[in-house]
Amino acid sequence: MAETVEGAEGRAEDLPFAGAFLVRMLDAATAVLNAAGTLLIVAVMLAINADVLSRALFNAPISGVPELVAMSIVAIVFLQVPHALRLGGLTRAGILIESLPPRLRAGLEVIYCLLAVGLCIVLFNGLMPLFERAYTRNTFVGAIGDFTAPIWPVRLVMLVGTVALGLQFLMRAGRAALFAAGLGSIEEARP
């Protein structure tokens, strides 16, 4: 039995139930990561404003704000980039590719997405030792006696974001491959 999945870029028609379920789960997980990134942006804004007010009113900065903001920016990027890809919000120059026939365009999209999956694998393999080292050694930022924060949570967010991004690229490659093979609609293959 086929099920239709509504997405931001079109419909994933005629996917088997398991495929439609996996697409929905990946989209939901990506939305949760994006929401967490948005909440982190709000927390960073509040921390910066509180630090500025504390400096202006009491001539005393809040310890650790610069370190937390620096780590949060990295976490925000990794939390939100999979959702940006899902919505087609990543910047790309499509002026040359738009002149190609749709199925050829979809074939190039498959290659692009699979190369991106490969890069995500390389990134994950590069980040994993950094996470393991930060976790086992309890690496931190800040100054002992003033403010310290472990860096392993940010490294973990980077790993999770990389996996989500790779899975989104893999899903896009699958949709584009279906269209290139004549089995899907143009909306599904649209980048």
N, C-alpha and C. Protein backbone atom coordinates (compact mmCIF):
# COMPACT_ATOMS: atom_id res chain seq x y z
N MET A 1 0.84 -1.18 0.00
CA MET A 1 0.00 0.00 0.00
C MET A 1 0.88 1.23 0.00
N ALA A 2 0.66 2.15 -0.92
CA ALA A 2 1.45 3.37 -1.00
C ALA A 2 0.83 4.44 -0.13
N GLU A 3 1.67 5.31 0.36
CA GLU A 3 1.19 6.40 1.20
C GLU A 3 1.82 7.68 0.70
N THR A 4 1.11 8.77 0.76
CA THR A 4 1.62 10.06 0.33
C THR A 4 2.19 10.80 1.53
N VAL A 5 3.36 11.37 1.32
CA VAL A 5 4.00 12.15 2.37
C VAL A 5 4.12 13.57 1.88
N GLU A 6 3.55 14.49 2.62
CA GLU A 6 3.66 15.89 2.26
C GLU A 6 4.99 16.43 2.77
N GLY A 7 5.72 17.13 1.92
CA GLY A 7 6.99 17.72 2.32
C GLY A 7 7.04 19.16 1.89
N ALA A 8 8.08 19.85 2.28
CA ALA A 8 8.22 21.26 1.96
C ALA A 8 8.48 21.45 0.47
N GLU A 9 9.05 20.44 -0.19
CA GLU A 9 9.44 20.60 -1.58
C GLU A 9 8.52 19.85 -2.53
N GLY A 10 7.57 19.17 -2.05
CA GLY A 10 6.70 18.40 -2.91
C GLY A 10 6.20 17.18 -2.17
N ARG A 11 5.73 16.20 -2.93
CA ARG A 11 5.18 15.00 -2.32
C ARG A 11 6.06 13.81 -2.64
N ALA A 12 6.23 12.95 -1.68
CA ALA A 12 6.94 11.69 -1.90
C ALA A 12 5.89 10.64 -2.20
N GLU A 13 5.37 10.66 -3.42
CA GLU A 13 4.28 9.76 -3.80
C GLU A 13 4.81 8.36 -4.04
N ASP A 14 3.93 7.42 -3.85
CA ASP A 14 4.19 6.02 -4.17
C ASP A 14 5.37 5.43 -3.41
N LEU A 15 5.69 5.99 -2.27
CA LEU A 15 6.69 5.35 -1.42
C LEU A 15 6.02 4.23 -0.66
N PRO A 16 6.72 3.12 -0.48
CA PRO A 16 6.16 2.09 0.39
C PRO A 16 5.95 2.66 1.78
N PHE A 17 5.07 2.04 2.56
CA PHE A 17 4.74 2.57 3.88
C PHE A 17 5.99 2.80 4.71
N ALA A 18 6.94 1.86 4.71
CA ALA A 18 8.15 2.00 5.52
C ALA A 18 8.95 3.21 5.07
N GLY A 19 9.02 3.45 3.75
CA GLY A 19 9.75 4.61 3.24
C GLY A 19 9.09 5.91 3.66
N ALA A 20 7.77 5.95 3.57
CA ALA A 20 7.04 7.15 3.97
C ALA A 20 7.21 7.40 5.46
N PHE A 21 7.20 6.34 6.25
CA PHE A 21 7.39 6.47 7.69
C PHE A 21 8.78 7.01 8.01
N LEU A 22 9.80 6.49 7.33
CA LEU A 22 11.17 6.96 7.56
C LEU A 22 11.33 8.42 7.17
N VAL A 23 10.70 8.82 6.07
CA VAL A 23 10.76 10.22 5.65
C VAL A 23 10.13 11.11 6.72
N ARG A 24 8.97 10.69 7.22
CA ARG A 24 8.30 11.48 8.27
C ARG A 24 9.14 11.56 9.53
N MET A 25 9.76 10.45 9.92
CA MET A 25 10.59 10.44 11.13
C MET A 25 11.82 11.34 10.97
N LEU A 26 12.45 11.27 9.80
CA LEU A 26 13.62 12.13 9.55
C LEU A 26 13.21 13.59 9.54
N ASP A 27 12.09 13.90 8.91
CA ASP A 27 11.62 15.29 8.89
C ASP A 27 11.27 15.78 10.29
N ALA A 28 10.67 14.92 11.10
CA ALA A 28 10.33 15.30 12.48
C ALA A 28 11.60 15.52 13.30
N ALA A 29 12.57 14.63 13.16
CA ALA A 29 13.83 14.79 13.90
C ALA A 29 14.54 16.07 13.48
N THR A 30 14.52 16.34 12.19
CA THR A 30 15.15 17.56 11.68
C THR A 30 14.44 18.80 12.22
N ALA A 31 13.13 18.76 12.30
CA ALA A 31 12.37 19.89 12.85
C ALA A 31 12.68 20.09 14.33
N VAL A 32 12.85 18.99 15.07
CA VAL A 32 13.20 19.10 16.50
C VAL A 32 14.58 19.72 16.66
N LEU A 33 15.54 19.30 15.83
CA LEU A 33 16.88 19.89 15.89
C LEU A 33 16.82 21.38 15.57
N ASN A 34 16.03 21.74 14.57
CA ASN A 34 15.89 23.14 14.20
C ASN A 34 15.28 23.95 15.34
N ALA A 35 14.26 23.40 16.00
CA ALA A 35 13.64 24.09 17.14
C ALA A 35 14.63 24.26 18.28
N ALA A 36 15.45 23.24 18.52
CA ALA A 36 16.47 23.35 19.57
C ALA A 36 17.47 24.45 19.21
N GLY A 37 17.83 24.55 17.94
CA GLY A 37 18.72 25.62 17.51
C GLY A 37 18.10 26.99 17.70
N THR A 38 16.81 27.09 17.43
CA THR A 38 16.11 28.36 17.62
C THR A 38 16.08 28.75 19.09
N LEU A 39 15.79 27.78 19.96
CA LEU A 39 15.80 28.06 21.40
C LEU A 39 17.19 28.47 21.88
N LEU A 40 18.21 27.86 21.30
CA LEU A 40 19.58 28.22 21.66
C LEU A 40 19.90 29.65 21.22
N ILE A 41 19.37 30.06 20.08
CA ILE A 41 19.55 31.44 19.63
C ILE A 41 18.94 32.40 20.64
N VAL A 42 17.74 32.09 21.10
CA VAL A 42 17.08 32.93 22.11
C VAL A 42 17.91 32.97 23.39
N ALA A 43 18.42 31.82 23.82
CA ALA A 43 19.25 31.78 25.03
C ALA A 43 20.51 32.61 24.87
N VAL A 44 21.13 32.55 23.70
CA VAL A 44 22.34 33.36 23.44
C VAL A 44 22.00 34.84 23.49
N MET A 45 20.89 35.22 22.88
CA MET A 45 20.48 36.64 22.92
C MET A 45 20.25 37.10 24.34
N LEU A 46 19.57 36.29 25.13
CA LEU A 46 19.32 36.66 26.53
C LEU A 46 20.62 36.77 27.32
N ALA A 47 21.54 35.83 27.09
CA ALA A 47 22.82 35.86 27.81
C ALA A 47 23.63 37.09 27.44
N ILE A 48 23.66 37.42 26.15
CA ILE A 48 24.42 38.60 25.72
C ILE A 48 23.80 39.87 26.30
N ASN A 49 22.48 39.98 26.25
CA ASN A 49 21.83 41.18 26.80
C ASN A 49 22.03 41.28 28.31
N ALA A 50 21.94 40.16 29.00
CA ALA A 50 22.17 40.18 30.45
C ALA A 50 23.61 40.58 30.76
N ASP A 51 24.55 40.11 29.96
CA ASP A 51 25.96 40.47 30.17
C ASP A 51 26.18 41.95 29.92
N VAL A 52 25.59 42.48 28.86
CA VAL A 52 25.73 43.91 28.55
C VAL A 52 25.12 44.75 29.68
N LEU A 53 23.93 44.38 30.13
CA LEU A 53 23.30 45.11 31.23
C LEU A 53 24.12 45.02 32.51
N SER A 54 24.65 43.85 32.79
CA SER A 54 25.47 43.68 33.99
C SER A 54 26.73 44.53 33.92
N ARG A 55 27.31 44.63 32.75
CA ARG A 55 28.51 45.47 32.59
C ARG A 55 28.15 46.95 32.75
N ALA A 56 27.02 47.34 32.15
CA ALA A 56 26.64 48.76 32.18
C ALA A 56 26.15 49.19 33.55
N LEU A 57 25.34 48.37 34.20
CA LEU A 57 24.74 48.77 35.47
C LEU A 57 25.62 48.49 36.69
N PHE A 58 26.34 47.37 36.66
CA PHE A 58 27.09 46.96 37.85
C PHE A 58 28.60 46.91 37.62
N ASN A 59 29.03 47.25 36.40
CA ASN A 59 30.44 47.20 36.05
C ASN A 59 31.03 45.81 36.33
N ALA A 60 30.23 44.78 36.11
CA ALA A 60 30.66 43.40 36.36
C ALA A 60 30.09 42.49 35.27
N PRO A 61 30.95 41.94 34.45
CA PRO A 61 30.46 41.03 33.41
C PRO A 61 30.01 39.70 34.02
N ILE A 62 29.17 39.01 33.29
CA ILE A 62 28.75 37.67 33.70
C ILE A 62 29.81 36.69 33.21
N SER A 63 30.35 35.91 34.11
CA SER A 63 31.42 34.98 33.75
C SER A 63 30.93 33.94 32.75
N GLY A 64 31.75 33.69 31.74
CA GLY A 64 31.49 32.61 30.81
C GLY A 64 30.63 32.93 29.61
N VAL A 65 30.08 34.12 29.54
CA VAL A 65 29.20 34.44 28.41
C VAL A 65 29.95 34.35 27.08
N PRO A 66 31.14 34.93 26.94
CA PRO A 66 31.83 34.80 25.64
C PRO A 66 32.09 33.35 25.24
N GLU A 67 32.48 32.53 26.19
CA GLU A 67 32.76 31.12 25.90
C GLU A 67 31.48 30.38 25.50
N LEU A 68 30.40 30.63 26.24
CA LEU A 68 29.14 29.96 25.92
C LEU A 68 28.58 30.41 24.57
N VAL A 69 28.72 31.68 24.27
CA VAL A 69 28.24 32.19 22.98
C VAL A 69 29.04 31.55 21.85
N ALA A 70 30.36 31.48 22.00
CA ALA A 70 31.20 30.88 20.96
C ALA A 70 30.82 29.42 20.72
N MET A 71 30.62 28.67 21.78
CA MET A 71 30.24 27.26 21.62
C MET A 71 28.82 27.15 21.06
N SER A 72 27.95 28.04 21.47
CA SER A 72 26.55 27.98 21.02
C SER A 72 26.42 28.24 19.53
N ILE A 73 27.24 29.13 19.00
CA ILE A 73 27.16 29.44 17.56
C ILE A 73 27.45 28.19 16.75
N VAL A 74 28.47 27.45 17.15
CA VAL A 74 28.79 26.20 16.45
C VAL A 74 27.62 25.22 16.56
N ALA A 75 27.07 25.08 17.75
CA ALA A 75 25.95 24.16 17.96
C ALA A 75 24.73 24.58 17.13
N ILE A 76 24.45 25.87 17.06
CA ILE A 76 23.30 26.36 16.30
C ILE A 76 23.43 25.99 14.83
N VAL A 77 24.61 26.17 14.26
CA VAL A 77 24.82 25.82 12.85
C VAL A 77 24.52 24.35 12.61
N PHE A 78 25.08 23.49 13.45
CA PHE A 78 24.88 22.05 13.26
C PHE A 78 23.45 21.61 13.56
N LEU A 79 22.76 22.33 14.41
CA LEU A 79 21.36 22.00 14.69
C LEU A 79 20.44 22.42 13.56
N GLN A 80 20.76 23.52 12.88
CA GLN A 80 19.81 24.07 11.93
C GLN A 80 20.11 23.78 10.46
N VAL A 81 21.32 23.40 10.12
CA VAL A 81 21.63 23.19 8.70
C VAL A 81 20.86 22.02 8.08
N PRO A 82 20.56 20.93 8.79
CA PRO A 82 19.75 19.89 8.14
C PRO A 82 18.35 20.38 7.74
N HIS A 83 17.75 21.20 8.57
CA HIS A 83 16.42 21.74 8.26
C HIS A 83 16.50 22.72 7.08
N ALA A 84 17.57 23.51 7.05
CA ALA A 84 17.75 24.43 5.92
C ALA A 84 17.86 23.65 4.61
N LEU A 85 18.57 22.54 4.63
CA LEU A 85 18.67 21.70 3.44
C LEU A 85 17.30 21.13 3.07
N ARG A 86 16.57 20.66 4.05
CA ARG A 86 15.26 20.08 3.79
C ARG A 86 14.33 21.07 3.11
N LEU A 87 14.41 22.34 3.52
CA LEU A 87 13.55 23.37 2.95
C LEU A 87 14.10 23.96 1.66
N GLY A 88 15.28 23.50 1.24
CA GLY A 88 15.90 24.05 0.03
C GLY A 88 16.53 25.41 0.28
N GLY A 89 16.91 25.68 1.52
CA GLY A 89 17.44 26.99 1.88
C GLY A 89 18.94 27.13 1.80
N LEU A 90 19.65 26.09 1.39
CA LEU A 90 21.09 26.23 1.24
C LEU A 90 21.39 26.98 -0.05
N THR A 91 22.35 27.85 -0.01
CA THR A 91 22.71 28.65 -1.17
C THR A 91 23.34 27.77 -2.24
N ARG A 92 22.88 27.95 -3.46
CA ARG A 92 23.48 27.23 -4.58
C ARG A 92 23.27 28.02 -5.84
N ALA A 93 24.22 27.92 -6.75
CA ALA A 93 24.13 28.61 -8.03
C ALA A 93 23.49 27.66 -9.04
N GLY A 94 22.28 27.92 -9.41
CA GLY A 94 21.55 27.02 -10.29
C GLY A 94 21.40 27.55 -11.71
N ILE A 95 22.12 28.60 -12.05
CA ILE A 95 21.92 29.23 -13.35
C ILE A 95 22.26 28.29 -14.50
N LEU A 96 23.31 27.50 -14.36
CA LEU A 96 23.68 26.56 -15.43
C LEU A 96 22.80 25.32 -15.42
N ILE A 97 22.53 24.82 -14.25
CA ILE A 97 21.77 23.57 -14.14
C ILE A 97 20.30 23.75 -14.53
N GLU A 98 19.77 24.94 -14.37
CA GLU A 98 18.35 25.18 -14.69
C GLU A 98 18.07 25.05 -16.18
N SER A 99 19.10 25.21 -17.03
CA SER A 99 18.89 25.12 -18.48
C SER A 99 18.89 23.67 -18.97
N LEU A 100 19.23 22.73 -18.10
CA LEU A 100 19.29 21.32 -18.49
C LEU A 100 17.90 20.68 -18.43
N PRO A 101 17.72 19.59 -19.17
CA PRO A 101 16.45 18.86 -19.08
C PRO A 101 16.22 18.35 -17.65
N PRO A 102 14.97 18.27 -17.22
CA PRO A 102 14.68 17.92 -15.83
C PRO A 102 15.28 16.60 -15.36
N ARG A 103 15.25 15.56 -16.18
CA ARG A 103 15.79 14.28 -15.72
C ARG A 103 17.31 14.33 -15.60
N LEU A 104 17.98 15.04 -16.49
CA LEU A 104 19.43 15.21 -16.37
C LEU A 104 19.77 16.01 -15.12
N ARG A 105 18.98 17.04 -14.88
CA ARG A 105 19.13 17.83 -13.65
C ARG A 105 19.00 16.94 -12.42
N ALA A 106 18.02 16.06 -12.43
CA ALA A 106 17.81 15.15 -11.31
C ALA A 106 19.00 14.20 -11.16
N GLY A 107 19.55 13.74 -12.28
CA GLY A 107 20.73 12.88 -12.22
C GLY A 107 21.92 13.60 -11.60
N LEU A 108 22.11 14.86 -11.96
CA LEU A 108 23.19 15.65 -11.35
C LEU A 108 22.92 15.90 -9.87
N GLU A 109 21.65 16.05 -9.52
CA GLU A 109 21.28 16.22 -8.11
C GLU A 109 21.65 14.97 -7.31
N VAL A 110 21.46 13.81 -7.90
CA VAL A 110 21.84 12.56 -7.23
C VAL A 110 23.34 12.56 -6.96
N ILE A 111 24.13 12.92 -7.96
CA ILE A 111 25.59 12.96 -7.79
C ILE A 111 25.97 13.96 -6.71
N TYR A 112 25.39 15.15 -6.78
CA TYR A 112 25.67 16.20 -5.79
C TYR A 112 25.35 15.71 -4.38
N CYS A 113 24.17 15.12 -4.22
CA CYS A 113 23.75 14.67 -2.89
C CYS A 113 24.61 13.52 -2.38
N LEU A 114 24.99 12.60 -3.25
CA LEU A 114 25.83 11.49 -2.81
C LEU A 114 27.23 11.96 -2.45
N LEU A 115 27.75 12.95 -3.18
CA LEU A 115 29.04 13.54 -2.79
C LEU A 115 28.92 14.22 -1.43
N ALA A 116 27.81 14.89 -1.20
CA ALA A 116 27.58 15.54 0.09
C ALA A 116 27.47 14.52 1.21
N VAL A 117 26.84 13.38 0.94
CA VAL A 117 26.77 12.30 1.94
C VAL A 117 28.19 11.84 2.27
N GLY A 118 29.02 11.70 1.24
CA GLY A 118 30.41 11.32 1.46
C GLY A 118 31.14 12.32 2.32
N LEU A 119 30.91 13.60 2.08
CA LEU A 119 31.54 14.64 2.91
C LEU A 119 31.03 14.58 4.35
N CYS A 120 29.76 14.27 4.52
CA CYS A 120 29.22 14.13 5.88
C CYS A 120 29.87 12.95 6.60
N ILE A 121 30.14 11.89 5.87
CA ILE A 121 30.82 10.73 6.47
C ILE A 121 32.23 11.12 6.89
N VAL A 122 32.94 11.84 6.02
CA VAL A 122 34.29 12.30 6.36
C VAL A 122 34.24 13.22 7.58
N LEU A 123 33.29 14.13 7.60
CA LEU A 123 33.15 15.05 8.73
C LEU A 123 32.84 14.29 10.01
N PHE A 124 31.94 13.33 9.95
CA PHE A 124 31.60 12.53 11.13
C PHE A 124 32.84 11.80 11.65
N ASN A 125 33.58 11.18 10.73
CA ASN A 125 34.78 10.45 11.14
C ASN A 125 35.85 11.38 11.70
N GLY A 126 35.88 12.62 11.26
CA GLY A 126 36.82 13.59 11.82
C GLY A 126 36.37 14.12 13.17
N LEU A 127 35.07 14.23 13.36
CA LEU A 127 34.54 14.77 14.61
C LEU A 127 34.50 13.74 15.74
N MET A 128 34.33 12.48 15.40
CA MET A 128 34.20 11.44 16.43
C MET A 128 35.39 11.40 17.38
N PRO A 129 36.64 11.41 16.89
CA PRO A 129 37.76 11.42 17.84
C PRO A 129 37.79 12.68 18.71
N LEU A 130 37.36 13.81 18.15
CA LEU A 130 37.31 15.04 18.95
C LEU A 130 36.30 14.92 20.07
N PHE A 131 35.14 14.33 19.76
CA PHE A 131 34.14 14.10 20.80
C PHE A 131 34.65 13.14 21.86
N GLU A 132 35.21 12.02 21.42
CA GLU A 132 35.71 11.02 22.37
C GLU A 132 36.77 11.61 23.29
N ARG A 133 37.69 12.38 22.71
CA ARG A 133 38.74 13.01 23.51
C ARG A 133 38.16 14.01 24.50
N ALA A 134 37.23 14.84 24.03
CA ALA A 134 36.63 15.84 24.92
C ALA A 134 35.85 15.17 26.05
N TYR A 135 35.19 14.06 25.75
CA TYR A 135 34.39 13.37 26.76
C TYR A 135 35.27 12.63 27.76
N THR A 136 36.24 11.88 27.27
CA THR A 136 37.06 11.08 28.18
C THR A 136 38.01 11.93 29.01
N ARG A 137 38.49 13.03 28.45
CA ARG A 137 39.42 13.90 29.18
C ARG A 137 38.71 15.03 29.92
N ASN A 138 37.39 15.12 29.76
CA ASN A 138 36.60 16.19 30.36
C ASN A 138 37.18 17.56 30.02
N THR A 139 37.44 17.75 28.73
CA THR A 139 37.97 19.02 28.25
C THR A 139 36.93 20.12 28.47
N PHE A 140 37.40 21.30 28.83
CA PHE A 140 36.48 22.40 29.12
C PHE A 140 37.03 23.70 28.57
N VAL A 141 36.17 24.71 28.51
CA VAL A 141 36.58 26.07 28.18
C VAL A 141 36.40 26.91 29.43
N GLY A 142 37.10 28.02 29.48
CA GLY A 142 37.00 28.91 30.63
C GLY A 142 38.24 28.83 31.49
N ALA A 143 38.17 29.47 32.62
CA ALA A 143 39.29 29.51 33.57
C ALA A 143 38.84 28.87 34.88
N ILE A 144 39.68 27.96 35.36
CA ILE A 144 39.38 27.29 36.63
C ILE A 144 39.27 28.35 37.73
N GLY A 145 38.24 28.24 38.52
CA GLY A 145 38.00 29.19 39.59
C GLY A 145 37.08 30.33 39.18
N ASP A 146 36.92 30.54 37.88
CA ASP A 146 36.03 31.60 37.41
C ASP A 146 34.82 30.98 36.72
N PHE A 147 35.05 30.31 35.62
CA PHE A 147 33.98 29.68 34.85
C PHE A 147 34.57 28.56 34.02
N THR A 148 33.94 27.42 34.05
CA THR A 148 34.32 26.31 33.17
C THR A 148 33.06 25.65 32.64
N ALA A 149 33.16 25.17 31.40
CA ALA A 149 32.05 24.43 30.78
C ALA A 149 32.66 23.33 29.92
N PRO A 150 32.12 22.13 30.00
CA PRO A 150 32.64 21.04 29.16
C PRO A 150 32.31 21.29 27.69
N ILE A 151 33.20 20.84 26.81
CA ILE A 151 32.95 21.04 25.38
C ILE A 151 32.34 19.81 24.71
N TRP A 152 32.28 18.69 25.43
CA TRP A 152 31.75 17.49 24.78
C TRP A 152 30.29 17.63 24.35
N PRO A 153 29.41 18.37 25.05
CA PRO A 153 28.03 18.48 24.54
C PRO A 153 27.97 19.14 23.15
N VAL A 154 28.83 20.12 22.92
CA VAL A 154 28.84 20.76 21.61
C VAL A 154 29.36 19.79 20.56
N ARG A 155 30.37 19.03 20.91
CA ARG A 155 30.91 18.02 19.98
C ARG A 155 29.83 16.97 19.66
N LEU A 156 29.04 16.61 20.64
CA LEU A 156 27.95 15.65 20.42
C LEU A 156 26.89 16.24 19.49
N VAL A 157 26.55 17.51 19.69
CA VAL A 157 25.60 18.18 18.80
C VAL A 157 26.14 18.21 17.37
N MET A 158 27.44 18.43 17.23
CA MET A 158 28.05 18.43 15.90
C MET A 158 27.90 17.06 15.24
N LEU A 159 28.09 16.00 16.00
CA LEU A 159 27.93 14.65 15.45
C LEU A 159 26.48 14.39 15.04
N VAL A 160 25.55 14.74 15.90
CA VAL A 160 24.12 14.52 15.61
C VAL A 160 23.70 15.33 14.39
N GLY A 161 24.12 16.59 14.33
CA GLY A 161 23.79 17.44 13.18
C GLY A 161 24.38 16.91 11.89
N THR A 162 25.59 16.38 11.95
CA THR A 162 26.22 15.82 10.76
C THR A 162 25.46 14.59 10.27
N VAL A 163 25.03 13.74 11.18
CA VAL A 163 24.24 12.56 10.80
C VAL A 163 22.92 13.00 10.17
N ALA A 164 22.24 13.96 10.79
CA ALA A 164 20.96 14.44 10.25
C ALA A 164 21.15 15.05 8.86
N LEU A 165 22.22 15.81 8.68
CA LEU A 165 22.49 16.41 7.37
C LEU A 165 22.76 15.34 6.33
N GLY A 166 23.56 14.35 6.69
CA GLY A 166 23.84 13.26 5.76
C GLY A 166 22.59 12.49 5.37
N LEU A 167 21.71 12.26 6.34
CA LEU A 167 20.46 11.55 6.05
C LEU A 167 19.54 12.39 5.16
N GLN A 168 19.52 13.70 5.38
CA GLN A 168 18.71 14.57 4.51
C GLN A 168 19.25 14.55 3.08
N PHE A 169 20.58 14.58 2.92
CA PHE A 169 21.16 14.48 1.59
C PHE A 169 20.83 13.14 0.95
N LEU A 170 20.87 12.08 1.74
CA LEU A 170 20.55 10.75 1.23
C LEU A 170 19.09 10.68 0.78
N MET A 171 18.19 11.29 1.54
CA MET A 171 16.79 11.31 1.16
C MET A 171 16.60 12.10 -0.13
N ARG A 172 17.29 13.23 -0.26
CA ARG A 172 17.20 14.02 -1.49
C ARG A 172 17.73 13.23 -2.68
N ALA A 173 18.82 12.50 -2.45
CA ALA A 173 19.39 11.69 -3.54
C ALA A 173 18.38 10.64 -3.98
N GLY A 174 17.69 10.02 -3.02
CA GLY A 174 16.69 9.02 -3.36
C GLY A 174 15.54 9.59 -4.16
N ARG A 175 15.06 10.75 -3.76
CA ARG A 175 13.96 11.39 -4.49
C ARG A 175 14.39 11.76 -5.91
N ALA A 176 15.60 12.33 -6.02
CA ALA A 176 16.09 12.72 -7.35
C ALA A 176 16.33 11.49 -8.22
N ALA A 177 16.82 10.40 -7.62
CA ALA A 177 17.05 9.17 -8.38
C ALA A 177 15.74 8.59 -8.91
N LEU A 178 14.69 8.65 -8.09
CA LEU A 178 13.38 8.18 -8.54
C LEU A 178 12.91 8.98 -9.75
N PHE A 179 13.09 10.29 -9.70
CA PHE A 179 12.67 11.12 -10.82
C PHE A 179 13.54 10.86 -12.05
N ALA A 180 14.86 10.77 -11.86
CA ALA A 180 15.76 10.54 -12.98
C ALA A 180 15.44 9.21 -13.67
N ALA A 181 14.97 8.24 -12.90
CA ALA A 181 14.61 6.94 -13.46
C ALA A 181 13.19 6.93 -14.03
N GLY A 182 12.50 8.06 -13.93
CA GLY A 182 11.14 8.15 -14.44
C GLY A 182 10.09 7.60 -13.51
N LEU A 183 10.42 7.46 -12.22
CA LEU A 183 9.48 6.87 -11.26
C LEU A 183 8.87 7.88 -10.30
N GLY A 184 9.26 9.13 -10.38
CA GLY A 184 8.75 10.12 -9.44
C GLY A 184 8.33 11.37 -10.17
N SER A 185 7.83 12.34 -9.42
CA SER A 185 7.40 13.59 -10.02
C SER A 185 8.49 14.64 -9.90
N ILE A 186 8.38 15.69 -10.69
CA ILE A 186 9.38 16.76 -10.70
C ILE A 186 9.45 17.46 -9.35
N GLU A 187 8.32 17.55 -8.63
CA GLU A 187 8.32 18.21 -7.33
C GLU A 187 9.21 17.49 -6.33
N GLU A 188 9.26 16.16 -6.45
CA GLU A 188 10.07 15.38 -5.52
C GLU A 188 11.55 15.60 -5.75
N ALA A 189 11.94 15.82 -7.00
CA ALA A 189 13.36 15.93 -7.33
C ALA A 189 13.87 17.35 -7.24
N ARG A 190 12.96 18.31 -7.04
CA ARG A 190 13.36 19.72 -7.02
C ARG A 190 14.29 19.98 -5.84
N PRO A 191 15.46 20.61 -6.13
CA PRO A 191 16.40 20.92 -5.03
C PRO A 191 15.89 22.00 -4.14
